[in-house]
Amino acid sequence: QVQLVESGGGLVQAGGSLRLSCVVFGSIFSSNAVGWYRQAPGKKRELVARIGSGGITHSSDALKGRFTISRDDNKSTAYLQIHDLKPEDTGVYYCNYGGTPFYAGTSWGQGTQVTVSS
């Protein structure tokens, strides 16, 4: 059974940076796509970025520029680097595993909370 464990969230001041990590257990990580989504309070979950097994990336048009997704297949880990954080970035960030660079898979992590203070 696939297990995803996210980490790296926290409380940060506006303008700061964070790097979120998602470690995947129980699957051949290098053969699968992985993505990051976020859900702000009272809003629907939305795509931040996805990365395929070959490194192809797909990002939300609205969020391009401050968010960078990457992967380390040797560590079965996906990362989301966030720069110049804004209060509107506050929410729970979820890792998603499987699917393609353009479509979500069926496995989700428990989420990591990101809170940005102004």
C-alpha atoms as a PDB file:
ATOM      1  CA  GLN A   1       0.000   0.000   0.000  1.00  0.00           C
ATOM      2  CA  VAL A   2       1.325   3.404  -0.972  1.00  0.00           C
ATOM      3  CA  GLN A   3       1.986   5.834   1.866  1.00  0.00           C
ATOM      4  CA  LEU A   4       2.815   9.512   1.441  1.00  0.00           C
ATOM      5  CA  VAL A   5       4.356  11.551   4.225  1.00  0.00           C
ATOM      6  CA  GLU A   6       4.525  15.320   3.849  1.00  0.00           C
ATOM      7  CA  SER A   7       6.639  17.664   5.936  1.00  0.00           C
ATOM      8  CA  GLY A   8       8.115  21.143   5.883  1.00  0.00           C
ATOM      9  CA  GLY A   9       5.078  23.277   6.585  1.00  0.00           C
ATOM     10  CA  GLY A  10       4.904  25.826   9.339  1.00  0.00           C
ATOM     11  CA  LEU A  11       4.356  29.439  10.266  1.00  0.00           C
ATOM     12  CA  VAL A  12       6.329  31.906   8.183  1.00  0.00           C
ATOM     13  CA  GLN A  13       6.265  35.644   7.633  1.00  0.00           C
ATOM     14  CA  ALA A  14       5.212  37.096   4.319  1.00  0.00           C
ATOM     15  CA  GLY A  15       8.139  37.252   1.941  1.00  0.00           C
ATOM     16  CA  GLY A  16       9.738  34.142   3.373  1.00  0.00           C
ATOM     17  CA  SER A  17      10.376  30.760   1.788  1.00  0.00           C
ATOM     18  CA  LEU A  18       9.564  27.154   2.541  1.00  0.00           C
ATOM     19  CA  ARG A  19      10.447  23.801   1.091  1.00  0.00           C
ATOM     20  CA  LEU A  20       7.875  21.078   1.445  1.00  0.00           C
ATOM     21  CA  SER A  21       8.808  17.415   1.148  1.00  0.00           C
ATOM     22  CA  CYS A  22       6.771  14.354   0.276  1.00  0.00           C
ATOM     23  CA  VAL A  23       8.301  10.947   0.876  1.00  0.00           C
ATOM     24  CA  VAL A  24       6.613   8.019  -0.830  1.00  0.00           C
ATOM     25  CA  PHE A  25       6.681   4.515   0.587  1.00  0.00           C
ATOM     26  CA  GLY A  26       5.516   1.259  -0.918  1.00  0.00           C
ATOM     27  CA  SER A  27       5.828   2.067  -4.590  1.00  0.00           C
ATOM     28  CA  ILE A  28       8.337   2.474  -7.396  1.00  0.00           C
ATOM     29  CA  PHE A  29       8.607   6.229  -7.078  1.00  0.00           C
ATOM     30  CA  SER A  30      10.730   6.751 -10.175  1.00  0.00           C
ATOM     31  CA  SER A  31       7.988   5.361 -12.425  1.00  0.00           C
ATOM     32  CA  ASN A  32       5.207   7.609 -11.234  1.00  0.00           C
ATOM     33  CA  ALA A  33       4.078  11.188 -11.373  1.00  0.00           C
ATOM     34  CA  VAL A  34       3.670  13.215  -8.212  1.00  0.00           C
ATOM     35  CA  GLY A  35       2.064  16.540  -7.499  1.00  0.00           C
ATOM     36  CA  TRP A  36       1.285  19.179  -4.939  1.00  0.00           C
ATOM     37  CA  TYR A  37      -2.137  20.642  -4.266  1.00  0.00           C
ATOM     38  CA  ARG A  38      -3.329  23.108  -1.689  1.00  0.00           C
ATOM     39  CA  GLN A  39      -6.571  23.921   0.062  1.00  0.00           C
ATOM     40  CA  ALA A  40      -7.164  27.277   1.661  1.00  0.00           C
ATOM     41  CA  PRO A  41      -9.789  27.666   4.396  1.00  0.00           C
ATOM     42  CA  GLY A  42     -13.255  27.619   2.863  1.00  0.00           C
ATOM     43  CA  LYS A  43     -11.961  26.912  -0.635  1.00  0.00           C
ATOM     44  CA  LYS A  44     -11.641  23.927  -2.922  1.00  0.00           C
ATOM     45  CA  ARG A  45      -8.425  22.004  -3.255  1.00  0.00           C
ATOM     46  CA  GLU A  46      -6.391  23.339  -6.174  1.00  0.00           C
ATOM     47  CA  LEU A  47      -3.415  22.240  -8.210  1.00  0.00           C
ATOM     48  CA  VAL A  48      -0.070  23.847  -7.466  1.00  0.00           C
ATOM     49  CA  ALA A  49       2.256  21.746  -9.635  1.00  0.00           C
ATOM     50  CA  ARG A  50       2.888  18.234 -10.880  1.00  0.00           C
ATOM     51  CA  ILE A  51       5.988  16.444 -12.142  1.00  0.00           C
ATOM     52  CA  GLY A  52       6.148  13.278 -14.215  1.00  0.00           C
ATOM     53  CA  SER A  53       8.565  10.401 -14.072  1.00  0.00           C
ATOM     54  CA  GLY A  54      10.599  11.934 -16.876  1.00  0.00           C
ATOM     55  CA  GLY A  55      10.706  15.354 -15.245  1.00  0.00           C
ATOM     56  CA  ILE A  56       7.920  16.989 -17.228  1.00  0.00           C
ATOM     57  CA  THR A  57       6.239  19.601 -15.049  1.00  0.00           C
ATOM     58  CA  HIS A  58       2.784  21.108 -15.142  1.00  0.00           C
ATOM     59  CA  SER A  59       1.864  24.071 -12.991  1.00  0.00           C
ATOM     60  CA  SER A  60      -1.182  26.124 -12.252  1.00  0.00           C
ATOM     61  CA  ASP A  61      -1.156  29.211 -14.460  1.00  0.00           C
ATOM     62  CA  ALA A  62      -2.271  31.304 -11.506  1.00  0.00           C
ATOM     63  CA  LEU A  63       0.611  30.175  -9.331  1.00  0.00           C
ATOM     64  CA  LYS A  64       3.525  30.079 -11.732  1.00  0.00           C
ATOM     65  CA  GLY A  65       6.635  31.930 -10.707  1.00  0.00           C
ATOM     66  CA  ARG A  66       6.885  31.397  -6.959  1.00  0.00           C
ATOM     67  CA  PHE A  67       6.412  27.637  -6.776  1.00  0.00           C
ATOM     68  CA  THR A  68       8.938  25.086  -8.015  1.00  0.00           C
ATOM     69  CA  ILE A  69       8.355  21.360  -7.975  1.00  0.00           C
ATOM     70  CA  SER A  70      11.203  18.878  -8.135  1.00  0.00           C
ATOM     71  CA  ARG A  71      11.896  15.255  -7.356  1.00  0.00           C
ATOM     72  CA  ASP A  72      14.726  13.063  -6.133  1.00  0.00           C
ATOM     73  CA  ASP A  73      14.055   9.524  -7.279  1.00  0.00           C
ATOM     74  CA  ASN A  74      16.925   8.167  -5.166  1.00  0.00           C
ATOM     75  CA  LYS A  75      15.115   9.390  -2.062  1.00  0.00           C
ATOM     76  CA  SER A  76      11.566   8.687  -3.298  1.00  0.00           C
ATOM     77  CA  THR A  77      10.859  12.301  -2.462  1.00  0.00           C
ATOM     78  CA  ALA A  78       9.116  15.180  -4.152  1.00  0.00           C
ATOM     79  CA  TYR A  79       9.712  18.775  -3.145  1.00  0.00           C
ATOM     80  CA  LEU A  80       7.821  22.023  -3.455  1.00  0.00           C
ATOM     81  CA  GLN A  81       9.923  25.144  -3.058  1.00  0.00           C
ATOM     82  CA  ILE A  82       7.883  28.247  -2.339  1.00  0.00           C
ATOM     83  CA  HIS A  83       9.376  31.730  -2.536  1.00  0.00           C
ATOM     84  CA  ASP A  84       7.999  35.123  -1.544  1.00  0.00           C
ATOM     85  CA  LEU A  85       5.192  33.640   0.492  1.00  0.00           C
ATOM     86  CA  LYS A  86       1.993  35.651   0.759  1.00  0.00           C
ATOM     87  CA  PRO A  87      -0.834  35.438   3.302  1.00  0.00           C
ATOM     88  CA  GLU A  88      -3.084  34.027   0.568  1.00  0.00           C
ATOM     89  CA  ASP A  89      -0.745  31.027   0.339  1.00  0.00           C
ATOM     90  CA  THR A  90      -2.011  29.909   3.736  1.00  0.00           C
ATOM     91  CA  GLY A  91      -3.607  26.481   3.666  1.00  0.00           C
ATOM     92  CA  VAL A  92      -2.981  22.771   3.793  1.00  0.00           C
ATOM     93  CA  TYR A  93      -0.620  21.473   1.143  1.00  0.00           C
ATOM     94  CA  TYR A  94      -1.202  17.913  -0.032  1.00  0.00           C
ATOM     95  CA  CYS A  95       1.013  15.528  -1.934  1.00  0.00           C
ATOM     96  CA  ASN A  96      -0.618  13.443  -4.646  1.00  0.00           C
ATOM     97  CA  TYR A  97       0.921  10.346  -6.202  1.00  0.00           C
ATOM     98  CA  GLY A  98       0.275   8.503  -9.440  1.00  0.00           C
ATOM     99  CA  GLY A  99      -1.555   9.723 -12.509  1.00  0.00           C
ATOM    100  CA  THR A 100       0.313  11.730 -15.107  1.00  0.00           C
ATOM    101  CA  PRO A 101       1.963  15.138 -15.187  1.00  0.00           C
ATOM    102  CA  PHE A 102      -1.474  16.526 -16.094  1.00  0.00           C
ATOM    103  CA  TYR A 103      -3.886  14.372 -14.095  1.00  0.00           C
ATOM    104  CA  ALA A 104      -3.970  13.512 -10.423  1.00  0.00           C
ATOM    105  CA  GLY A 105      -3.374  10.022  -9.126  1.00  0.00           C
ATOM    106  CA  THR A 106      -5.407   8.290  -6.477  1.00  0.00           C
ATOM    107  CA  SER A 107      -3.008   8.443  -3.524  1.00  0.00           C
ATOM    108  CA  TRP A 108      -2.973  11.432  -1.169  1.00  0.00           C
ATOM    109  CA  GLY A 109      -0.927  12.384   1.821  1.00  0.00           C
ATOM    110  CA  GLN A 110      -2.311  13.760   5.054  1.00  0.00           C
ATOM    111  CA  GLY A 111      -1.236  17.300   4.247  1.00  0.00           C
ATOM    112  CA  THR A 112       1.083  19.825   5.832  1.00  0.00           C
ATOM    113  CA  GLN A 113      -0.128  23.186   7.117  1.00  0.00           C
ATOM    114  CA  VAL A 114       1.405  26.369   5.782  1.00  0.00           C
ATOM    115  CA  THR A 115       0.505  29.599   7.540  1.00  0.00           C
ATOM    116  CA  VAL A 116       1.795  32.925   6.284  1.00  0.00           C
ATOM    117  CA  SER A 117       1.564  35.932   8.555  1.00  0.00           C
ATOM    118  CA  SER A 118       1.441  39.464   7.211  1.00  0.00           C
END
